[in-house]
């Protein structure tokens, strides 16, 4: 694959984030069996900064045999993140192979009602 697909998250500061993607490859496209994969995703302010949020398939990411990748971030975690434009990427690993799957902006809208 080489380069990750671009996807921009736009979320609210105190919401429970729930997204599900399906990774498909081939012609015709078929879902990738993710049984032997691990996942990692980080959200940062910029490339050189420390991670504000780290998700893995043990915490926040669920991988399925039908190619589904479910990302869940509880509202209590979202409440700790700063509003504004951040960046993220999502990588999948199997054996010695790392696939950069998604990357882009992780925009957090400030909560108005508190």
C-alpha atoms as a PDB file:
ATOM      1  CA  UNK A   1       0.000   0.000   0.000  1.00  0.00           C
ATOM      2  CA  UNK A   2       2.787   2.464   0.863  1.00  0.00           C
ATOM      3  CA  UNK A   3       0.854   5.618   1.726  1.00  0.00           C
ATOM      4  CA  UNK A   4      -2.099   5.793   4.086  1.00  0.00           C
ATOM      5  CA  UNK A   5      -5.505   6.817   2.824  1.00  0.00           C
ATOM      6  CA  UNK A   6      -6.497  10.309   3.951  1.00  0.00           C
ATOM      7  CA  UNK A   7      -9.419  10.516   6.355  1.00  0.00           C
ATOM      8  CA  UNK A   8     -10.209  13.507   8.566  1.00  0.00           C
ATOM      9  CA  UNK A   9     -12.012  13.009  11.862  1.00  0.00           C
ATOM     10  CA  UNK A  10     -14.227  15.870  13.042  1.00  0.00           C
ATOM     11  CA  UNK A  11     -15.402  15.196  16.598  1.00  0.00           C
ATOM     12  CA  UNK A  12     -16.668  17.093  19.627  1.00  0.00           C
ATOM     13  CA  UNK A  13     -14.654  17.478  22.794  1.00  0.00           C
ATOM     14  CA  UNK A  14     -16.897  15.518  25.139  1.00  0.00           C
ATOM     15  CA  UNK A  15     -18.576  13.013  22.795  1.00  0.00           C
ATOM     16  CA  UNK A  16     -18.092   9.258  22.691  1.00  0.00           C
ATOM     17  CA  UNK A  17     -16.320   8.666  19.364  1.00  0.00           C
ATOM     18  CA  UNK A  18     -17.362   5.533  17.474  1.00  0.00           C
ATOM     19  CA  UNK A  19     -16.209   4.889  13.894  1.00  0.00           C
ATOM     20  CA  UNK A  20     -16.032   1.656  11.929  1.00  0.00           C
ATOM     21  CA  UNK A  21     -14.063   1.202   8.709  1.00  0.00           C
ATOM     22  CA  UNK A  22     -13.651  -1.870   6.511  1.00  0.00           C
ATOM     23  CA  UNK A  23     -10.267  -2.549   4.908  1.00  0.00           C
ATOM     24  CA  UNK A  24     -10.675  -4.091   1.461  1.00  0.00           C
ATOM     25  CA  UNK A  25      -8.071  -4.941  -1.183  1.00  0.00           C
ATOM     26  CA  UNK A  26      -7.912  -6.616  -4.566  1.00  0.00           C
ATOM     27  CA  UNK A  27      -9.905  -6.450  -7.761  1.00  0.00           C
ATOM     28  CA  UNK A  28     -12.706  -7.064  -7.047  1.00  0.00           C
ATOM     29  CA  UNK A  29     -12.244  -5.683  -3.554  1.00  0.00           C
ATOM     30  CA  UNK A  30     -12.656  -8.150  -0.705  1.00  0.00           C
ATOM     31  CA  UNK A  31     -12.301  -7.536   3.050  1.00  0.00           C
ATOM     32  CA  UNK A  32      -8.909  -8.321   4.603  1.00  0.00           C
ATOM     33  CA  UNK A  33      -9.033 -10.946   7.359  1.00  0.00           C
ATOM     34  CA  UNK A  34      -7.569  -9.050  10.339  1.00  0.00           C
ATOM     35  CA  UNK A  35      -7.340 -12.048  12.678  1.00  0.00           C
ATOM     36  CA  UNK A  36      -3.518 -11.991  12.841  1.00  0.00           C
ATOM     37  CA  UNK A  37      -3.131  -8.205  12.835  1.00  0.00           C
ATOM     38  CA  UNK A  38      -2.460  -5.695  15.571  1.00  0.00           C
ATOM     39  CA  UNK A  39      -3.352  -2.013  15.345  1.00  0.00           C
ATOM     40  CA  UNK A  40      -1.991   1.234  16.699  1.00  0.00           C
ATOM     41  CA  UNK A  41      -3.184   4.815  16.365  1.00  0.00           C
ATOM     42  CA  UNK A  42      -1.805   8.020  17.839  1.00  0.00           C
ATOM     43  CA  UNK A  43      -3.185  11.556  17.979  1.00  0.00           C
ATOM     44  CA  UNK A  44      -0.638  14.385  18.287  1.00  0.00           C
ATOM     45  CA  UNK A  45      -0.464  18.158  17.966  1.00  0.00           C
ATOM     46  CA  UNK A  46       2.271  17.818  15.305  1.00  0.00           C
ATOM     47  CA  UNK A  47       4.803  15.266  14.004  1.00  0.00           C
ATOM     48  CA  UNK A  48       7.442  15.899  16.657  1.00  0.00           C
ATOM     49  CA  UNK A  49       5.168  16.070  19.676  1.00  0.00           C
ATOM     50  CA  UNK A  50       4.278  13.458  22.265  1.00  0.00           C
ATOM     51  CA  UNK A  51       1.097  11.459  21.726  1.00  0.00           C
ATOM     52  CA  UNK A  52      -2.009  12.989  23.320  1.00  0.00           C
ATOM     53  CA  UNK A  53      -3.902   9.746  22.713  1.00  0.00           C
ATOM     54  CA  UNK A  54      -2.741   6.218  21.879  1.00  0.00           C
ATOM     55  CA  UNK A  55      -5.143   3.476  20.853  1.00  0.00           C
ATOM     56  CA  UNK A  56      -4.325  -0.182  20.132  1.00  0.00           C
ATOM     57  CA  UNK A  57      -6.275  -3.327  19.424  1.00  0.00           C
ATOM     58  CA  UNK A  58      -6.068  -3.935  23.175  1.00  0.00           C
ATOM     59  CA  UNK A  59      -7.504  -0.503  24.014  1.00  0.00           C
ATOM     60  CA  UNK A  60      -9.897   1.413  21.786  1.00  0.00           C
ATOM     61  CA  UNK A  61      -9.524  -0.498  18.495  1.00  0.00           C
ATOM     62  CA  UNK A  62     -11.298  -3.736  17.614  1.00  0.00           C
ATOM     63  CA  UNK A  63     -10.205  -5.756  14.569  1.00  0.00           C
ATOM     64  CA  UNK A  64     -12.441  -8.368  12.922  1.00  0.00           C
ATOM     65  CA  UNK A  65     -12.006 -11.260  10.519  1.00  0.00           C
ATOM     66  CA  UNK A  66     -14.371  -9.473   8.091  1.00  0.00           C
ATOM     67  CA  UNK A  67     -11.979  -6.517   7.677  1.00  0.00           C
ATOM     68  CA  UNK A  68     -13.813  -4.242  10.130  1.00  0.00           C
ATOM     69  CA  UNK A  69     -11.784  -1.806  12.216  1.00  0.00           C
ATOM     70  CA  UNK A  70     -13.836  -0.255  15.024  1.00  0.00           C
ATOM     71  CA  UNK A  71     -12.454   2.772  16.857  1.00  0.00           C
ATOM     72  CA  UNK A  72     -14.028   3.774  20.171  1.00  0.00           C
ATOM     73  CA  UNK A  73     -12.915   6.688  22.353  1.00  0.00           C
ATOM     74  CA  UNK A  74     -14.967   7.228  25.538  1.00  0.00           C
ATOM     75  CA  UNK A  75     -16.306  10.716  26.246  1.00  0.00           C
ATOM     76  CA  UNK A  76     -14.203  10.914  29.433  1.00  0.00           C
ATOM     77  CA  UNK A  77     -11.061  10.504  27.309  1.00  0.00           C
ATOM     78  CA  UNK A  78     -12.261  12.994  24.690  1.00  0.00           C
ATOM     79  CA  UNK A  79     -12.888  15.547  27.464  1.00  0.00           C
ATOM     80  CA  UNK A  80      -9.153  15.501  28.278  1.00  0.00           C
ATOM     81  CA  UNK A  81      -8.055  16.361  24.715  1.00  0.00           C
ATOM     82  CA  UNK A  82      -7.596  19.973  23.625  1.00  0.00           C
ATOM     83  CA  UNK A  83      -9.973  21.511  21.115  1.00  0.00           C
ATOM     84  CA  UNK A  84      -8.394  22.367  17.793  1.00  0.00           C
ATOM     85  CA  UNK A  85      -6.688  20.752  14.852  1.00  0.00           C
ATOM     86  CA  UNK A  86      -4.547  17.729  15.679  1.00  0.00           C
ATOM     87  CA  UNK A  87      -3.094  14.963  13.489  1.00  0.00           C
ATOM     88  CA  UNK A  88      -3.281  11.161  13.656  1.00  0.00           C
ATOM     89  CA  UNK A  89      -2.363   7.996  11.862  1.00  0.00           C
ATOM     90  CA  UNK A  90      -3.548   4.395  12.060  1.00  0.00           C
ATOM     91  CA  UNK A  91      -1.197   1.497  11.335  1.00  0.00           C
ATOM     92  CA  UNK A  92      -1.864  -2.231  11.084  1.00  0.00           C
ATOM     93  CA  UNK A  93       0.851  -4.801  11.716  1.00  0.00           C
ATOM     94  CA  UNK A  94       1.134  -8.493  10.932  1.00  0.00           C
ATOM     95  CA  UNK A  95       4.430 -10.297  11.418  1.00  0.00           C
ATOM     96  CA  UNK A  96       7.175  -7.966  10.164  1.00  0.00           C
ATOM     97  CA  UNK A  97       4.812  -6.034   7.866  1.00  0.00           C
ATOM     98  CA  UNK A  98       3.454  -2.628   8.866  1.00  0.00           C
ATOM     99  CA  UNK A  99       0.711  -1.055   6.751  1.00  0.00           C
ATOM    100  CA  UNK A 100       0.005   2.674   7.190  1.00  0.00           C
ATOM    101  CA  UNK A 101      -3.763   2.517   6.661  1.00  0.00           C
ATOM    102  CA  UNK A 102      -5.221   5.951   7.520  1.00  0.00           C
ATOM    103  CA  UNK A 103      -3.857   9.408   8.357  1.00  0.00           C
ATOM    104  CA  UNK A 104      -5.103  12.961   8.483  1.00  0.00           C
ATOM    105  CA  UNK A 105      -6.527  15.636  10.716  1.00  0.00           C
ATOM    106  CA  UNK A 106      -8.188  14.903  14.029  1.00  0.00           C
ATOM    107  CA  UNK A 107     -10.244  18.052  14.583  1.00  0.00           C
ATOM    108  CA  UNK A 108     -11.860  18.499  17.969  1.00  0.00           C
ATOM    109  CA  UNK A 109     -14.651  21.056  18.330  1.00  0.00           C
ATOM    110  CA  UNK A 110     -14.793  22.709  21.742  1.00  0.00           C
ATOM    111  CA  UNK A 111     -17.688  21.732  23.967  1.00  0.00           C
ATOM    112  CA  UNK A 112     -20.114  24.617  24.459  1.00  0.00           C
ATOM    113  CA  UNK A 113     -22.566  23.073  26.904  1.00  0.00           C
ATOM    114  CA  UNK A 114     -20.829  22.029  30.101  1.00  0.00           C
END
